[in-house]
PDB file of N, CA and C in Angstrom:
ATOM      1  N   UNK A   1       9.394 -26.162   5.897  1.00  0.00           N
ATOM      2  CA  UNK A   1       8.364 -25.582   5.056  1.00  0.00           C
ATOM      3  C   UNK A   1       8.078 -24.159   5.501  1.00  0.00           C
ATOM      4  N   UNK A   2       7.714 -23.339   4.563  1.00  0.00           N
ATOM      5  CA  UNK A   2       7.431 -21.933   4.819  1.00  0.00           C
ATOM      6  C   UNK A   2       5.981 -21.644   4.443  1.00  0.00           C
ATOM      7  N   UNK A   3       5.220 -21.068   5.393  1.00  0.00           N
ATOM      8  CA  UNK A   3       3.804 -20.810   5.189  1.00  0.00           C
ATOM      9  C   UNK A   3       3.511 -19.327   5.312  1.00  0.00           C
ATOM     10  N   UNK A   4       2.615 -18.850   4.466  1.00  0.00           N
ATOM     11  CA  UNK A   4       2.149 -17.471   4.488  1.00  0.00           C
ATOM     12  C   UNK A   4       0.696 -17.469   4.945  1.00  0.00           C
ATOM     13  N   UNK A   5       0.406 -16.693   5.995  1.00  0.00           N
ATOM     14  CA  UNK A   5      -0.963 -16.559   6.501  1.00  0.00           C
ATOM     15  C   UNK A   5      -1.456 -15.162   6.174  1.00  0.00           C
ATOM     16  N   UNK A   6      -2.664 -15.074   5.596  1.00  0.00           N
ATOM     17  CA  UNK A   6      -3.230 -13.778   5.211  1.00  0.00           C
ATOM     18  C   UNK A   6      -4.284 -13.348   6.223  1.00  0.00           C
ATOM     19  N   UNK A   7      -4.671 -12.086   6.153  1.00  0.00           N
ATOM     20  CA  UNK A   7      -5.715 -11.567   7.022  1.00  0.00           C
ATOM     21  C   UNK A   7      -7.084 -12.144   6.663  1.00  0.00           C
ATOM     22  N   UNK A   8      -7.207 -12.747   5.487  1.00  0.00           N
ATOM     23  CA  UNK A   8      -8.455 -13.386   5.060  1.00  0.00           C
ATOM     24  C   UNK A   8      -8.497 -14.862   5.450  1.00  0.00           C
ATOM     25  N   UNK A   9      -7.586 -15.253   6.360  1.00  0.00           N
ATOM     26  CA  UNK A   9      -7.488 -16.641   6.843  1.00  0.00           C
ATOM     27  C   UNK A   9      -7.138 -17.635   5.740  1.00  0.00           C
ATOM     28  N   UNK A  10      -6.416 -17.191   4.755  1.00  0.00           N
ATOM     29  CA  UNK A  10      -5.918 -18.084   3.721  1.00  0.00           C
ATOM     30  C   UNK A  10      -4.482 -18.466   4.070  1.00  0.00           C
ATOM     31  N   UNK A  11      -4.070 -19.654   3.650  1.00  0.00           N
ATOM     32  CA  UNK A  11      -2.727 -20.148   3.937  1.00  0.00           C
ATOM     33  C   UNK A  11      -2.094 -20.601   2.622  1.00  0.00           C
ATOM     34  N   UNK A  12      -0.855 -20.145   2.382  1.00  0.00           N
ATOM     35  CA  UNK A  12      -0.126 -20.505   1.168  1.00  0.00           C
ATOM     36  C   UNK A  12       1.249 -21.043   1.541  1.00  0.00           C
ATOM     37  N   UNK A  13       1.700 -22.033   0.805  1.00  0.00           N
ATOM     38  CA  UNK A  13       3.057 -22.534   0.967  1.00  0.00           C
ATOM     39  C   UNK A  13       3.967 -21.745   0.039  1.00  0.00           C
ATOM     40  N   UNK A  14       5.088 -21.270   0.576  1.00  0.00           N
ATOM     41  CA  UNK A  14       6.033 -20.474  -0.210  1.00  0.00           C
ATOM     42  C   UNK A  14       7.285 -21.283  -0.507  1.00  0.00           C
ATOM     43  N   UNK A  15       7.870 -21.003  -1.643  1.00  0.00           N
ATOM     44  CA  UNK A  15       9.162 -21.590  -1.985  1.00  0.00           C
ATOM     45  C   UNK A  15      10.262 -20.701  -1.434  1.00  0.00           C
ATOM     46  N   UNK A  16      11.362 -21.305  -1.052  1.00  0.00           N
ATOM     47  CA  UNK A  16      12.497 -20.539  -0.551  1.00  0.00           C
ATOM     48  C   UNK A  16      12.631 -20.664   0.963  1.00  0.00           C
ATOM     49  N   UNK A  17      13.573 -19.906   1.488  1.00  0.00           N
ATOM     50  CA  UNK A  17      13.836 -19.933   2.924  1.00  0.00           C
ATOM     51  C   UNK A  17      13.350 -18.640   3.572  1.00  0.00           C
ATOM     52  N   UNK A  18      13.285 -18.662   4.876  1.00  0.00           N
ATOM     53  CA  UNK A  18      12.896 -17.458   5.602  1.00  0.00           C
ATOM     54  C   UNK A  18      13.911 -16.343   5.367  1.00  0.00           C
ATOM     55  N   UNK A  19      15.179 -16.683   5.278  1.00  0.00           N
ATOM     56  CA  UNK A  19      16.222 -15.693   5.014  1.00  0.00           C
ATOM     57  C   UNK A  19      16.027 -15.031   3.650  1.00  0.00           C
ATOM     58  N   UNK A  20      15.674 -15.820   2.644  1.00  0.00           N
ATOM     59  CA  UNK A  20      15.434 -15.268   1.303  1.00  0.00           C
ATOM     60  C   UNK A  20      14.246 -14.320   1.305  1.00  0.00           C
ATOM     61  N   UNK A  21      13.169 -14.701   1.976  1.00  0.00           N
ATOM     62  CA  UNK A  21      11.987 -13.836   2.035  1.00  0.00           C
ATOM     63  C   UNK A  21      12.246 -12.585   2.864  1.00  0.00           C
ATOM     64  N   UNK A  22      13.055 -12.723   3.889  1.00  0.00           N
ATOM     65  CA  UNK A  22      13.417 -11.554   4.698  1.00  0.00           C
ATOM     66  C   UNK A  22      14.129 -10.512   3.842  1.00  0.00           C
ATOM     67  N   UNK A  23      15.029 -10.949   2.982  1.00  0.00           N
ATOM     68  CA  UNK A  23      15.744 -10.032   2.085  1.00  0.00           C
ATOM     69  C   UNK A  23      14.805  -9.422   1.040  1.00  0.00           C
ATOM     70  N   UNK A  24      13.873 -10.223   0.524  1.00  0.00           N
ATOM     71  CA  UNK A  24      12.933  -9.732  -0.488  1.00  0.00           C
ATOM     72  C   UNK A  24      11.989  -8.671   0.079  1.00  0.00           C
ATOM     73  N   UNK A  25      11.562  -8.872   1.307  1.00  0.00           N
ATOM     74  CA  UNK A  25      10.551  -7.999   1.898  1.00  0.00           C
ATOM     75  C   UNK A  25      11.138  -6.807   2.639  1.00  0.00           C
ATOM     76  N   UNK A  26      12.427  -6.826   2.883  1.00  0.00           N
ATOM     77  CA  UNK A  26      13.191  -5.743   3.505  1.00  0.00           C
ATOM     78  C   UNK A  26      12.503  -5.103   4.696  1.00  0.00           C
ATOM     79  N   UNK A  27      12.345  -3.789   4.686  1.00  0.00           N
ATOM     80  CA  UNK A  27      11.920  -3.054   5.874  1.00  0.00           C
ATOM     81  C   UNK A  27      10.427  -3.127   6.164  1.00  0.00           C
ATOM     82  N   UNK A  28       9.621  -3.665   5.251  1.00  0.00           N
ATOM     83  CA  UNK A  28       8.190  -3.745   5.519  1.00  0.00           C
ATOM     84  C   UNK A  28       7.826  -4.921   6.432  1.00  0.00           C
ATOM     85  N   UNK A  29       8.751  -5.846   6.615  1.00  0.00           N
ATOM     86  CA  UNK A  29       8.550  -6.986   7.498  1.00  0.00           C
ATOM     87  C   UNK A  29       9.722  -7.081   8.472  1.00  0.00           C
ATOM     88  N   UNK A  30       9.475  -7.731   9.623  1.00  0.00           N
ATOM     89  CA  UNK A  30      10.532  -7.894  10.621  1.00  0.00           C
ATOM     90  C   UNK A  30      10.665  -9.368  10.964  1.00  0.00           C
ATOM     91  N   UNK A  31      11.888  -9.811  11.103  1.00  0.00           N
ATOM     92  CA  UNK A  31      12.177 -11.194  11.489  1.00  0.00           C
ATOM     93  C   UNK A  31      12.071 -11.290  13.007  1.00  0.00           C
ATOM     94  N   UNK A  32      10.979 -11.845  13.498  1.00  0.00           N
ATOM     95  CA  UNK A  32      10.718 -11.964  14.933  1.00  0.00           C
ATOM     96  C   UNK A  32      11.723 -12.920  15.582  1.00  0.00           C
ATOM     97  N   UNK A  33      11.889 -14.087  14.991  1.00  0.00           N
ATOM     98  CA  UNK A  33      12.810 -15.109  15.487  1.00  0.00           C
ATOM     99  C   UNK A  33      13.126 -16.064  14.338  1.00  0.00           C
ATOM    100  N   UNK A  34      13.595 -17.255  14.668  1.00  0.00           N
ATOM    101  CA  UNK A  34      13.973 -18.194  13.610  1.00  0.00           C
ATOM    102  C   UNK A  34      12.774 -18.760  12.844  1.00  0.00           C
ATOM    103  N   UNK A  35      11.556 -18.514  13.365  1.00  0.00           N
ATOM    104  CA  UNK A  35      10.389 -19.107  12.730  1.00  0.00           C
ATOM    105  C   UNK A  35       9.393 -18.109  12.154  1.00  0.00           C
ATOM    106  N   UNK A  36       9.477 -16.840  12.556  1.00  0.00           N
ATOM    107  CA  UNK A  36       8.439 -15.885  12.173  1.00  0.00           C
ATOM    108  C   UNK A  36       9.007 -14.619  11.530  1.00  0.00           C
ATOM    109  N   UNK A  37       8.322 -14.219  10.458  1.00  0.00           N
ATOM    110  CA  UNK A  37       8.562 -12.966   9.763  1.00  0.00           C
ATOM    111  C   UNK A  37       7.193 -12.299   9.694  1.00  0.00           C
ATOM    112  N   UNK A  38       7.079 -11.035  10.116  1.00  0.00           N
ATOM    113  CA  UNK A  38       5.758 -10.426  10.224  1.00  0.00           C
ATOM    114  C   UNK A  38       5.732  -8.982   9.750  1.00  0.00           C
ATOM    115  N   UNK A  39       4.530  -8.543   9.406  1.00  0.00           N
ATOM    116  CA  UNK A  39       4.302  -7.126   9.121  1.00  0.00           C
ATOM    117  C   UNK A  39       3.785  -6.476  10.396  1.00  0.00           C
ATOM    118  N   UNK A  40       3.874  -5.161  10.471  1.00  0.00           N
ATOM    119  CA  UNK A  40       3.392  -4.445  11.660  1.00  0.00           C
ATOM    120  C   UNK A  40       1.884  -4.612  11.817  1.00  0.00           C
ATOM    121  N   UNK A  41       1.158  -4.687  10.717  1.00  0.00           N
ATOM    122  CA  UNK A  41      -0.298  -4.823  10.768  1.00  0.00           C
ATOM    123  C   UNK A  41      -0.741  -6.151  11.350  1.00  0.00           C
ATOM    124  N   UNK A  42       0.128  -7.157  11.335  1.00  0.00           N
ATOM    125  CA  UNK A  42      -0.215  -8.480  11.851  1.00  0.00           C
ATOM    126  C   UNK A  42      -0.012  -8.592  13.362  1.00  0.00           C
ATOM    127  N   UNK A  43       0.578  -7.572  13.972  1.00  0.00           N
ATOM    128  CA  UNK A  43       0.846  -7.608  15.404  1.00  0.00           C
ATOM    129  C   UNK A  43      -0.286  -6.923  16.154  1.00  0.00           C
ATOM    130  N   UNK A  44      -0.875  -7.664  17.077  1.00  0.00           N
ATOM    131  CA  UNK A  44      -1.965  -7.121  17.884  1.00  0.00           C
ATOM    132  C   UNK A  44      -1.426  -6.430  19.135  1.00  0.00           C
ATOM    133  N   UNK A  45      -0.430  -7.057  19.793  1.00  0.00           N
ATOM    134  CA  UNK A  45       0.132  -6.493  21.021  1.00  0.00           C
ATOM    135  C   UNK A  45       1.545  -6.999  21.231  1.00  0.00           C
ATOM    136  N   UNK A  46       2.332  -6.187  21.932  1.00  0.00           N
ATOM    137  CA  UNK A  46       3.693  -6.561  22.311  1.00  0.00           C
ATOM    138  C   UNK A  46       3.821  -6.301  23.810  1.00  0.00           C
ATOM    139  N   UNK A  47       4.268  -7.311  24.544  1.00  0.00           N
ATOM    140  CA  UNK A  47       4.374  -7.219  25.991  1.00  0.00           C
ATOM    141  C   UNK A  47       5.792  -7.549  26.431  1.00  0.00           C
ATOM    142  N   UNK A  48       6.353  -6.721  27.310  1.00  0.00           N
ATOM    143  CA  UNK A  48       7.684  -6.994  27.858  1.00  0.00           C
ATOM    144  C   UNK A  48       7.570  -8.091  28.920  1.00  0.00           C
ATOM    145  N   UNK A  49       8.565  -8.959  28.946  1.00  0.00           N
ATOM    146  CA  UNK A  49       8.596 -10.029  29.946  1.00  0.00           C
ATOM    147  C   UNK A  49       9.627  -9.692  31.019  1.00  0.00           C
ATOM    148  N   UNK A  50       9.643 -10.483  32.076  1.00  0.00           N
ATOM    149  CA  UNK A  50      10.607 -10.281  33.165  1.00  0.00           C
ATOM    150  C   UNK A  50      12.039 -10.493  32.708  1.00  0.00           C
ATOM    151  N   UNK A  51      12.223 -11.289  31.668  1.00  0.00           N
ATOM    152  CA  UNK A  51      13.569 -11.592  31.168  1.00  0.00           C
ATOM    153  C   UNK A  51      14.014 -10.638  30.061  1.00  0.00           C
ATOM    154  N   UNK A  52      13.293  -9.537  29.880  1.00  0.00           N
ATOM    155  CA  UNK A  52      13.572  -8.496  28.893  1.00  0.00           C
ATOM    156  C   UNK A  52      13.325  -8.927  27.459  1.00  0.00           C
ATOM    157  N   UNK A  53      12.668 -10.064  27.270  1.00  0.00           N
ATOM    158  CA  UNK A  53      12.210 -10.444  25.945  1.00  0.00           C
ATOM    159  C   UNK A  53      10.896  -9.718  25.689  1.00  0.00           C
ATOM    160  N   UNK A  54      10.451  -9.742  24.437  1.00  0.00           N
ATOM    161  CA  UNK A  54       9.148  -9.190  24.093  1.00  0.00           C
ATOM    162  C   UNK A  54       8.255 -10.321  23.605  1.00  0.00           C
ATOM    163  N   UNK A  55       7.063 -10.418  24.168  1.00  0.00           N
ATOM    164  CA  UNK A  55       6.085 -11.406  23.733  1.00  0.00           C
ATOM    165  C   UNK A  55       5.197 -10.744  22.691  1.00  0.00           C
ATOM    166  N   UNK A  56       5.019 -11.403  21.566  1.00  0.00           N
ATOM    167  CA  UNK A  56       4.249 -10.859  20.460  1.00  0.00           C
ATOM    168  C   UNK A  56       2.938 -11.626  20.333  1.00  0.00           C
ATOM    169  N   UNK A  57       1.832 -10.880  20.308  1.00  0.00           N
ATOM    170  CA  UNK A  57       0.520 -11.460  20.037  1.00  0.00           C
ATOM    171  C   UNK A  57       0.084 -10.989  18.657  1.00  0.00           C
ATOM    172  N   UNK A  58      -0.294 -11.940  17.828  1.00  0.00           N
ATOM    173  CA  UNK A  58      -0.670 -11.640  16.451  1.00  0.00           C
ATOM    174  C   UNK A  58      -2.175 -11.484  16.301  1.00  0.00           C
ATOM    175  N   UNK A  59      -2.595 -10.783  15.270  1.00  0.00           N
ATOM    176  CA  UNK A  59      -4.006 -10.643  14.936  1.00  0.00           C
ATOM    177  C   UNK A  59      -4.583 -12.022  14.609  1.00  0.00           C
ATOM    178  N   UNK A  60      -3.823 -12.812  13.876  1.00  0.00           N
ATOM    179  CA  UNK A  60      -4.200 -14.188  13.566  1.00  0.00           C
ATOM    180  C   UNK A  60      -3.580 -15.070  14.654  1.00  0.00           C
ATOM    181  N   UNK A  61      -4.383 -15.762  15.458  1.00  0.00           N
ATOM    182  CA  UNK A  61      -3.838 -16.552  16.566  1.00  0.00           C
ATOM    183  C   UNK A  61      -2.896 -17.661  16.091  1.00  0.00           C
ATOM    184  N   UNK A  62      -1.850 -17.883  16.874  1.00  0.00           N
ATOM    185  CA  UNK A  62      -0.923 -18.992  16.636  1.00  0.00           C
ATOM    186  C   UNK A  62      -0.990 -19.915  17.846  1.00  0.00           C
ATOM    187  N   UNK A  63      -0.551 -21.147  17.681  1.00  0.00           N
ATOM    188  CA  UNK A  63      -0.679 -22.158  18.730  1.00  0.00           C
ATOM    189  C   UNK A  63       0.448 -22.152  19.749  1.00  0.00           C
ATOM    190  N   UNK A  64       1.311 -21.158  19.694  1.00  0.00           N
ATOM    191  CA  UNK A  64       2.442 -21.107  20.610  1.00  0.00           C
ATOM    192  C   UNK A  64       2.754 -19.665  20.972  1.00  0.00           C
ATOM    193  N   UNK A  65       3.446 -19.486  22.086  1.00  0.00           N
ATOM    194  CA  UNK A  65       3.895 -18.145  22.468  1.00  0.00           C
ATOM    195  C   UNK A  65       5.073 -17.773  21.578  1.00  0.00           C
ATOM    196  N   UNK A  66       5.088 -16.535  21.090  1.00  0.00           N
ATOM    197  CA  UNK A  66       6.145 -16.074  20.194  1.00  0.00           C
ATOM    198  C   UNK A  66       6.877 -14.934  20.879  1.00  0.00           C
ATOM    199  N   UNK A  67       8.206 -15.043  20.949  1.00  0.00           N
ATOM    200  CA  UNK A  67       9.026 -14.061  21.651  1.00  0.00           C
ATOM    201  C   UNK A  67      10.099 -13.484  20.740  1.00  0.00           C
ATOM    202  N   UNK A  68      10.443 -12.229  21.020  1.00  0.00           N
ATOM    203  CA  UNK A  68      11.599 -11.588  20.405  1.00  0.00           C
ATOM    204  C   UNK A  68      12.688 -11.611  21.458  1.00  0.00           C
ATOM    205  N   UNK A  69      13.854 -12.102  21.103  1.00  0.00           N
ATOM    206  CA  UNK A  69      14.941 -12.204  22.080  1.00  0.00           C
ATOM    207  C   UNK A  69      15.379 -10.819  22.551  1.00  0.00           C
ATOM    208  N   UNK A  70      15.972 -10.785  23.740  1.00  0.00           N
ATOM    209  CA  UNK A  70      16.396  -9.493  24.283  1.00  0.00           C
ATOM    210  C   UNK A  70      17.470  -8.843  23.426  1.00  0.00           C
ATOM    211  N   UNK A  71      18.232  -9.622  22.664  1.00  0.00           N
ATOM    212  CA  UNK A  71      19.244  -9.032  21.779  1.00  0.00           C
ATOM    213  C   UNK A  71      18.615  -8.342  20.573  1.00  0.00           C
ATOM    214  N   UNK A  72      17.385  -8.719  20.201  1.00  0.00           N
ATOM    215  CA  UNK A  72      16.717  -8.132  19.036  1.00  0.00           C
ATOM    216  C   UNK A  72      15.653  -7.099  19.394  1.00  0.00           C
ATOM    217  N   UNK A  73      15.432  -6.847  20.685  1.00  0.00           N
ATOM    218  CA  UNK A  73      14.359  -5.925  21.071  1.00  0.00           C
ATOM    219  C   UNK A  73      14.612  -4.501  20.597  1.00  0.00           C
ATOM    220  N   UNK A  74      15.843  -4.030  20.634  1.00  0.00           N
ATOM    221  CA  UNK A  74      16.095  -2.652  20.190  1.00  0.00           C
ATOM    222  C   UNK A  74      15.873  -2.516  18.681  1.00  0.00           C
ATOM    223  N   UNK A  75      16.285  -3.497  17.893  1.00  0.00           N
ATOM    224  CA  UNK A  75      16.028  -3.468  16.445  1.00  0.00           C
ATOM    225  C   UNK A  75      14.529  -3.504  16.162  1.00  0.00           C
ATOM    226  N   UNK A  76      13.811  -4.320  16.925  1.00  0.00           N
ATOM    227  CA  UNK A  76      12.364  -4.389  16.739  1.00  0.00           C
ATOM    228  C   UNK A  76      11.717  -3.048  17.054  1.00  0.00           C
ATOM    229  N   UNK A  77      12.107  -2.430  18.148  1.00  0.00           N
ATOM    230  CA  UNK A  77      11.510  -1.143  18.526  1.00  0.00           C
ATOM    231  C   UNK A  77      11.776  -0.071  17.476  1.00  0.00           C
ATOM    232  N   UNK A  78      12.964  -0.053  16.879  1.00  0.00           N
ATOM    233  CA  UNK A  78      13.277   0.893  15.797  1.00  0.00           C
ATOM    234  C   UNK A  78      12.369   0.645  14.595  1.00  0.00           C
ATOM    235  N   UNK A  79      12.228  -0.620  14.223  1.00  0.00           N
ATOM    236  CA  UNK A  79      11.375  -0.983  13.096  1.00  0.00           C
ATOM    237  C   UNK A  79       9.921  -0.640  13.406  1.00  0.00           C
ATOM    238  N   UNK A  80       9.479  -0.916  14.602  1.00  0.00           N
ATOM    239  CA  UNK A  80       8.083  -0.693  15.018  1.00  0.00           C
ATOM    240  C   UNK A  80       7.712   0.784  14.935  1.00  0.00           C
ATOM    241  N   UNK A  81       8.656   1.681  15.225  1.00  0.00           N
ATOM    242  CA  UNK A  81       8.384   3.124  15.209  1.00  0.00           C
ATOM    243  C   UNK A  81       8.223   3.673  13.796  1.00  0.00           C
ATOM    244  N   UNK A  82       8.706   2.948  12.785  1.00  0.00           N
ATOM    245  CA  UNK A  82       8.636   3.418  11.393  1.00  0.00           C
ATOM    246  C   UNK A  82       7.253   3.504  10.908  1.00  0.00           C
TER     247      UNK A  82
END
């Protein structure tokens, strides 16, 4: 299942796959990992870990730690600078 969380604390179920939404939303959103697609405004903080991954903290709290793999950190940093 695919869920959309808004800044107004609303939750919507979306049709389609994360890959389909990633293509639709293009450069305004970034694919964090296999479970998360986010806008820059939804990110509160990004912290480097000892293993060269990036830990992402969202404005809207999630129940788990979310990481960007070390192979995707350079792509994320390029997107983040935009």
